[in-house]
Amino acid sequence: MANRIEFHQHGGPEVMRWATHDIGQPAENDIIIRHHAIGLNYIDTYVRSGLYPVSQFPSGLGTEAAGEVVAVGSRVTRFQVGDRVVYCQSGLGAYSEYHHVDQSKAVILPESISYQSAAASFLKGLTVYYLFHMTHKVQAGETLLFHAAAGGVGLIACQWAKALGAQLIGVVSSESKAQRAREAGAWATIDTSHEDIVKRVSELTAGQKVPVVYDSVGKATWQASLDCLHPRGLLVSFGNASGPVTGVDLAILNQKGSLFVTRPSLNGYLTTPEQLDQASTALFTLISEGKIEVSVATSQQFALRDAERAHRALESRTTTGACLLIP
């Protein structure tokens, strides 16, 4: 038996419960991982709230963690007991001491990277990888707009853009977050507490605007994001922190300059173990070279049992960078 967080209905953070469950034996393609650190991601709040509904209750929560392999299924070839691993696309249930994960969803974790750094960066880093290398191939010298630039994904994006030689304009909600984004490599920042996004982008680009906007906020920033694009620019809407974008009149894309819009996800881009290995190698290389630094403040490391408090902190937008749950 082991402990985990589960929920029996959709709702606020209070629906999460501390429970015990039977670890059982691994299925033929599964590995069982004893977690050392668990990634806390905004998408977890979508699942808990019902924005991304689950099909069966009670349900576990979370899809990312790092730890040690303690058992392998009969057809597992990628791993053996004792391996250090990290994963981020598992079935729900990572908010737990142990988790069953299909071998195709995990990768070997280099000794040079800690469990905490891995769990804090894997999903976020792979997200930036597909956004910058697959959804739109970011070029050196290119200027781009990135919302929530002081969040977990955003701080990695600031560093990755700098490594690529691109000029990232980071949208944030306070001066302290603006400072964090600039320290991470943002070329410029826009503080929405006193600056207008569209006006400031126009000023920063001498009226040219940008070819691509990465928007994880959703409903609240949809219109501004479109207005920051130059003709035939691309809006990459990859999150719903303020709520989903609905009721869109496609004619607006024509009116604003024959714009493109996509709503991608990691699961739509990294679909094979080979693609996962390629993306994780790119991320681990940048971390090992010091071009991406991942640190988690002590105040943003929560005991697994305190998942409710962690979700409240995440949804309050008071956190910066990554958060972790520690079993």
Protein backbone atom coordinates (compact mmCIF):
# COMPACT_ATOMS: atom_id res chain seq x y z
CA MET A 1 0.00 0.00 0.00
CA ALA A 2 1.09 3.60 -0.66
CA ASN A 3 -0.28 7.10 -0.35
CA ARG A 4 -1.61 9.37 -3.05
CA ILE A 5 -3.86 12.35 -3.76
CA GLU A 6 -7.19 11.55 -5.40
CA PHE A 7 -10.48 13.31 -6.07
CA HIS A 8 -14.05 11.99 -6.32
CA GLN A 9 -15.67 14.92 -8.15
CA HIS A 10 -14.64 17.99 -10.09
CA GLY A 11 -14.35 21.27 -8.23
CA GLY A 12 -11.98 23.53 -6.34
CA PRO A 13 -8.78 22.51 -4.52
CA GLU A 14 -10.87 21.23 -1.61
CA VAL A 15 -12.01 18.17 -3.61
CA MET A 16 -8.55 16.60 -3.36
CA ARG A 17 -8.18 13.89 -0.73
CA TRP A 18 -5.28 12.01 0.92
CA ALA A 19 -5.80 8.29 0.31
CA THR A 20 -4.06 4.93 0.28
CA HIS A 21 -4.00 2.58 -2.69
CA ASP A 22 -2.56 -0.77 -3.68
CA ILE A 23 0.59 -0.42 -5.79
CA GLY A 24 0.07 -3.80 -7.43
CA GLN A 25 2.29 -5.31 -10.12
CA PRO A 26 3.39 -3.62 -13.36
CA ALA A 27 1.58 -4.34 -16.61
CA GLU A 28 3.79 -5.86 -19.29
CA ASN A 29 4.85 -2.49 -20.77
CA ASP A 30 4.88 -0.55 -17.50
CA ILE A 31 7.53 0.47 -15.02
CA ILE A 32 6.78 1.30 -11.38
CA ILE A 33 8.54 4.42 -10.17
CA ARG A 34 9.18 5.46 -6.59
CA HIS A 35 8.86 9.22 -6.72
CA HIS A 36 11.45 11.63 -5.33
CA ALA A 37 9.83 14.80 -6.73
CA ILE A 38 6.51 15.47 -8.46
CA GLY A 39 5.86 18.23 -10.98
CA LEU A 40 3.01 20.63 -10.24
CA ASN A 41 1.53 22.09 -13.44
CA TYR A 42 -1.29 24.48 -14.21
CA ILE A 43 -2.90 21.87 -16.42
CA ASP A 44 -3.49 19.82 -13.25
CA THR A 45 -5.98 22.48 -12.14
CA TYR A 46 -7.87 22.08 -15.42
CA VAL A 47 -8.26 18.35 -14.75
CA ARG A 48 -9.28 18.87 -11.13
CA SER A 49 -11.82 21.60 -11.98
CA GLY A 50 -13.41 19.72 -14.88
CA LEU A 51 -12.23 21.98 -17.69
CA TYR A 52 -10.51 18.78 -18.85
CA PRO A 53 -12.97 16.22 -17.40
CA VAL A 54 -11.97 12.74 -16.28
CA SER A 55 -14.01 9.73 -17.28
CA GLN A 56 -13.99 7.81 -14.00
CA PHE A 57 -13.90 8.55 -10.27
CA PRO A 58 -12.10 8.29 -7.95
CA SER A 59 -9.24 9.65 -10.02
CA GLY A 60 -5.60 10.34 -9.40
CA LEU A 61 -4.05 13.60 -10.49
CA GLY A 62 -0.83 14.73 -12.13
CA THR A 63 1.24 13.35 -15.02
CA GLU A 64 4.86 14.35 -14.21
CA ALA A 65 7.45 13.15 -11.72
CA ALA A 66 11.02 11.95 -11.31
CA GLY A 67 12.25 8.98 -9.34
CA GLU A 68 13.72 5.50 -9.31
CA VAL A 69 12.46 2.42 -11.14
CA VAL A 70 11.51 -0.27 -8.61
CA ALA A 71 9.77 -2.80 -10.89
CA VAL A 72 9.46 -3.49 -14.62
CA GLY A 73 6.90 -5.33 -16.73
CA SER A 74 7.70 -8.43 -18.76
CA ARG A 75 8.02 -6.54 -22.06
CA VAL A 76 9.96 -3.53 -20.82
CA THR A 77 13.18 -2.98 -22.78
CA ARG A 78 13.98 0.71 -22.17
CA PHE A 79 14.60 0.48 -18.40
CA GLN A 80 15.73 -1.72 -15.55
CA VAL A 81 15.29 -1.64 -11.79
CA GLY A 82 17.42 1.10 -10.24
CA ASP A 83 17.34 3.49 -13.21
CA ARG A 84 16.84 7.19 -12.53
CA VAL A 85 13.95 8.37 -14.71
CA VAL A 86 11.62 11.27 -15.37
CA TYR A 87 8.29 11.35 -17.20
CA CYS A 88 5.51 13.80 -17.98
CA GLN A 89 2.82 12.20 -20.17
CA SER A 90 1.61 9.37 -17.96
CA GLY A 91 -1.92 8.45 -17.08
CA LEU A 92 -3.28 10.46 -14.16
CA GLY A 93 -1.79 9.53 -10.80
CA ALA A 94 1.60 11.22 -10.44
CA TYR A 95 0.48 12.85 -7.17
CA SER A 96 1.55 9.69 -5.38
CA GLU A 97 4.46 7.93 -3.73
CA TYR A 98 4.58 5.29 -6.51
CA HIS A 99 3.14 5.31 -10.01
CA HIS A 100 2.77 2.90 -12.94
CA VAL A 101 4.05 4.49 -16.16
CA ASP A 102 4.18 3.11 -19.70
CA GLN A 103 7.83 2.75 -20.71
CA SER A 104 7.23 4.91 -23.81
CA LYS A 105 6.50 7.96 -21.61
CA ALA A 106 9.73 7.98 -19.56
CA VAL A 107 13.40 8.74 -20.23
CA ILE A 108 16.64 8.10 -18.40
CA LEU A 109 17.61 11.03 -16.19
CA PRO A 110 21.31 12.01 -16.40
CA GLU A 111 23.20 11.87 -13.12
CA SER A 112 24.06 15.55 -13.51
CA ILE A 113 20.41 16.57 -13.11
CA SER A 114 18.65 16.23 -9.75
CA TYR A 115 15.22 14.68 -9.30
CA GLN A 116 13.91 18.07 -8.17
CA SER A 117 15.24 19.89 -11.24
CA ALA A 118 13.89 17.19 -13.53
CA ALA A 119 10.38 17.20 -12.07
CA ALA A 120 10.37 21.00 -12.13
CA SER A 121 11.42 21.26 -15.77
CA PHE A 122 10.46 18.20 -17.81
CA LEU A 123 6.89 18.97 -18.91
CA LYS A 124 7.61 22.69 -19.06
CA GLY A 125 10.84 22.20 -20.98
CA LEU A 126 9.32 19.78 -23.47
CA THR A 127 6.48 22.27 -23.95
CA VAL A 128 8.96 24.99 -24.86
CA TYR A 129 10.76 22.53 -27.14
CA TYR A 130 7.69 21.81 -29.26
CA LEU A 131 6.56 25.46 -29.20
CA PHE A 132 9.95 26.78 -30.38
CA HIS A 133 11.10 23.94 -32.63
CA MET A 134 7.92 22.37 -34.01
CA THR A 135 4.85 24.63 -33.79
CA HIS A 136 6.89 27.62 -34.99
CA LYS A 137 10.61 27.31 -35.60
CA VAL A 138 12.07 30.27 -33.74
CA GLN A 139 14.96 31.91 -35.56
CA ALA A 140 17.93 33.91 -34.28
CA GLY A 141 17.10 37.61 -34.35
CA GLU A 142 13.36 37.00 -34.38
CA THR A 143 11.13 38.89 -31.92
CA LEU A 144 8.31 37.00 -30.23
CA LEU A 145 5.72 37.67 -27.53
CA PHE A 146 5.32 35.22 -24.64
CA HIS A 147 2.55 35.53 -22.03
CA ALA A 148 3.07 34.50 -18.38
CA ALA A 149 6.81 34.88 -18.86
CA ALA A 150 7.56 34.49 -15.13
CA GLY A 151 5.66 31.22 -14.82
CA GLY A 152 7.19 27.76 -14.93
CA VAL A 153 7.00 27.45 -18.72
CA GLY A 154 7.72 31.14 -19.21
CA LEU A 155 11.04 31.24 -17.36
CA ILE A 156 12.31 28.27 -19.35
CA ALA A 157 11.07 29.97 -22.54
CA CYS A 158 12.99 33.15 -21.66
CA GLN A 159 16.20 31.16 -21.29
CA TRP A 160 15.60 28.98 -24.37
CA ALA A 161 14.83 32.01 -26.56
CA LYS A 162 18.05 33.68 -25.42
CA ALA A 163 19.99 30.49 -26.24
CA LEU A 164 18.49 30.58 -29.75
CA GLY A 165 19.40 34.24 -30.19
CA ALA A 166 15.76 35.36 -30.32
CA GLN A 167 14.26 38.45 -28.67
CA LEU A 168 11.49 37.41 -26.30
CA ILE A 169 9.06 40.03 -25.03
CA GLY A 170 7.63 38.65 -21.80
CA VAL A 171 4.17 39.60 -20.54
CA VAL A 172 3.92 39.60 -16.73
CA SER A 173 1.60 40.97 -14.04
CA SER A 174 4.02 42.73 -11.64
CA GLU A 175 7.42 44.40 -11.53
CA SER A 176 8.89 41.55 -9.47
CA LYS A 177 7.83 39.08 -12.16
CA ALA A 178 9.20 41.37 -14.84
CA GLN A 179 12.55 41.32 -13.09
CA ARG A 180 12.51 37.51 -12.90
CA ALA A 181 11.76 37.28 -16.62
CA ARG A 182 14.53 39.72 -17.56
CA GLU A 183 17.02 37.88 -15.35
CA ALA A 184 16.07 34.67 -17.18
CA GLY A 185 16.79 36.21 -20.56
CA ALA A 186 13.72 38.13 -21.71
CA TRP A 187 14.76 40.88 -24.14
CA ALA A 188 11.96 43.12 -22.82
CA THR A 189 8.94 42.82 -20.54
CA ILE A 190 5.42 44.22 -20.40
CA ASP A 191 3.89 44.66 -16.95
CA THR A 192 0.11 44.52 -17.37
CA SER A 193 -0.42 46.20 -14.00
CA HIS A 194 0.39 49.52 -15.69
CA GLU A 195 1.24 48.86 -19.35
CA ASP A 196 -0.95 48.14 -22.37
CA ILE A 197 0.23 45.02 -24.19
CA VAL A 198 -0.60 46.09 -27.74
CA LYS A 199 0.73 49.64 -27.38
CA ARG A 200 3.97 48.44 -25.78
CA VAL A 201 4.59 45.76 -28.43
CA SER A 202 4.16 48.39 -31.11
CA GLU A 203 6.67 50.65 -29.34
CA LEU A 204 9.21 47.85 -28.88
CA THR A 205 9.01 46.78 -32.52
CA ALA A 206 8.81 50.26 -34.11
CA GLY A 207 5.27 49.51 -35.22
CA GLN A 208 6.17 46.23 -36.95
CA LYS A 209 4.55 43.96 -34.30
CA VAL A 210 5.64 40.29 -34.02
CA PRO A 211 5.42 37.16 -36.19
CA VAL A 212 4.35 34.85 -33.36
CA VAL A 213 2.59 35.13 -30.00
CA TYR A 214 2.64 32.31 -27.44
CA ASP A 215 -0.44 32.63 -25.23
CA SER A 216 -1.19 30.30 -22.29
CA VAL A 217 -3.62 32.73 -20.64
CA GLY A 218 -6.56 32.29 -23.01
CA LYS A 219 -9.77 34.27 -22.75
CA ALA A 220 -8.37 37.41 -21.12
CA THR A 221 -5.56 37.94 -23.63
CA TRP A 222 -7.03 36.55 -26.86
CA GLN A 223 -7.86 39.91 -28.41
CA ALA A 224 -4.60 41.58 -27.39
CA SER A 225 -2.59 38.65 -28.72
CA LEU A 226 -4.21 38.95 -32.15
CA ASP A 227 -3.54 42.69 -32.18
CA CYS A 228 0.17 42.13 -31.54
CA LEU A 229 0.68 40.08 -34.71
CA HIS A 230 1.88 41.43 -37.99
CA PRO A 231 0.07 40.28 -41.20
CA ARG A 232 0.03 36.48 -41.57
CA GLY A 233 1.40 36.12 -38.04
CA LEU A 234 0.73 33.08 -35.87
CA LEU A 235 -1.07 32.98 -32.52
CA VAL A 236 -0.15 29.84 -30.56
CA SER A 237 -2.85 29.43 -27.91
CA PHE A 238 -1.56 26.68 -25.64
CA GLY A 239 -3.36 27.27 -22.33
CA ASN A 240 -6.48 28.55 -20.59
CA ALA A 241 -5.31 30.14 -17.33
CA SER A 242 -8.05 32.80 -17.55
CA GLY A 243 -10.61 30.49 -19.14
CA PRO A 244 -11.02 28.99 -22.62
CA VAL A 245 -11.40 31.06 -25.77
CA THR A 246 -14.93 30.49 -27.10
CA GLY A 247 -17.35 32.00 -29.62
CA VAL A 248 -14.63 32.97 -32.09
CA ASP A 249 -15.69 34.59 -35.36
CA LEU A 250 -13.09 33.36 -37.84
CA ALA A 251 -13.60 36.48 -39.97
CA ILE A 252 -11.60 38.40 -37.37
CA LEU A 253 -8.47 36.59 -38.55
CA ASN A 254 -9.00 38.01 -42.03
CA GLN A 255 -9.76 41.49 -40.75
CA LYS A 256 -6.58 41.63 -38.67
CA GLY A 257 -4.23 40.55 -41.45
CA SER A 258 -4.89 36.99 -42.62
CA LEU A 259 -3.68 35.64 -39.30
CA PHE A 260 -3.06 32.02 -38.32
CA VAL A 261 -4.17 30.44 -35.01
CA THR A 262 -3.30 27.03 -33.58
CA ARG A 263 -4.29 25.28 -30.35
CA PRO A 264 -1.50 22.71 -29.84
CA SER A 265 -0.62 20.32 -27.05
CA LEU A 266 2.42 18.27 -26.12
CA ASN A 267 0.53 15.04 -26.82
CA GLY A 268 -0.01 16.15 -30.41
CA TYR A 269 3.69 16.73 -31.07
CA LEU A 270 5.75 14.21 -29.08
CA THR A 271 3.98 11.01 -30.04
CA THR A 272 6.78 8.41 -30.16
CA PRO A 273 9.61 7.37 -27.82
CA GLU A 274 12.07 8.58 -30.46
CA GLN A 275 10.54 12.07 -30.52
CA LEU A 276 10.51 12.12 -26.72
CA ASP A 277 14.18 11.12 -26.59
CA GLN A 278 15.11 13.84 -29.10
CA ALA A 279 13.24 16.55 -27.20
CA SER A 280 14.53 15.47 -23.78
CA THR A 281 18.11 15.35 -25.07
CA ALA A 282 17.75 18.94 -26.28
CA LEU A 283 16.41 20.01 -22.88
CA PHE A 284 18.99 18.11 -20.82
CA THR A 285 21.82 19.49 -22.98
CA LEU A 286 20.75 23.09 -22.34
CA ILE A 287 20.46 22.39 -18.60
CA SER A 288 23.84 20.65 -18.47
CA GLU A 289 25.47 23.53 -20.38
CA GLY A 290 24.01 26.05 -17.94
CA LYS A 291 21.90 27.75 -20.60
CA ILE A 292 18.73 26.77 -18.74
CA GLU A 293 18.77 26.95 -14.96
CA VAL A 294 15.97 25.34 -12.99
CA SER A 295 15.51 26.18 -9.34
CA VAL A 296 12.49 25.90 -7.07
CA ALA A 297 12.12 28.20 -4.08
CA THR A 298 11.65 26.41 -0.76
CA SER A 299 8.31 28.21 -0.42
CA GLN A 300 7.14 26.53 -3.63
CA GLN A 301 8.03 22.99 -2.56
CA PHE A 302 4.97 21.44 -0.91
CA ALA A 303 4.55 18.13 0.86
CA LEU A 304 2.45 15.74 -1.22
CA ARG A 305 -0.19 15.79 1.52
CA ASP A 306 -0.47 19.58 1.03
CA ALA A 307 -1.57 19.42 -2.61
CA GLU A 308 -4.67 21.51 -1.84
CA ARG A 309 -2.53 24.36 -0.54
CA ALA A 310 -0.23 24.01 -3.54
CA HIS A 311 -3.14 24.35 -5.98
CA ARG A 312 -4.42 27.44 -4.17
CA ALA A 313 -0.99 29.04 -4.47
CA LEU A 314 -0.77 28.15 -8.15
CA GLU A 315 -4.21 29.53 -9.00
CA SER A 316 -3.63 32.73 -7.03
CA ARG A 317 -0.88 33.66 -9.52
CA THR A 318 1.44 34.45 -6.61
CA THR A 319 4.01 31.82 -7.63
CA THR A 320 6.89 32.38 -10.02
CA GLY A 321 8.68 29.62 -11.87
CA ALA A 322 8.17 25.97 -11.00
CA CYS A 323 6.43 24.33 -8.02
CA LEU A 324 6.95 20.81 -6.67
CA LEU A 325 5.22 18.23 -4.53
CA ILE A 326 7.58 16.16 -2.39
CA PRO A 327 6.42 12.66 -1.28
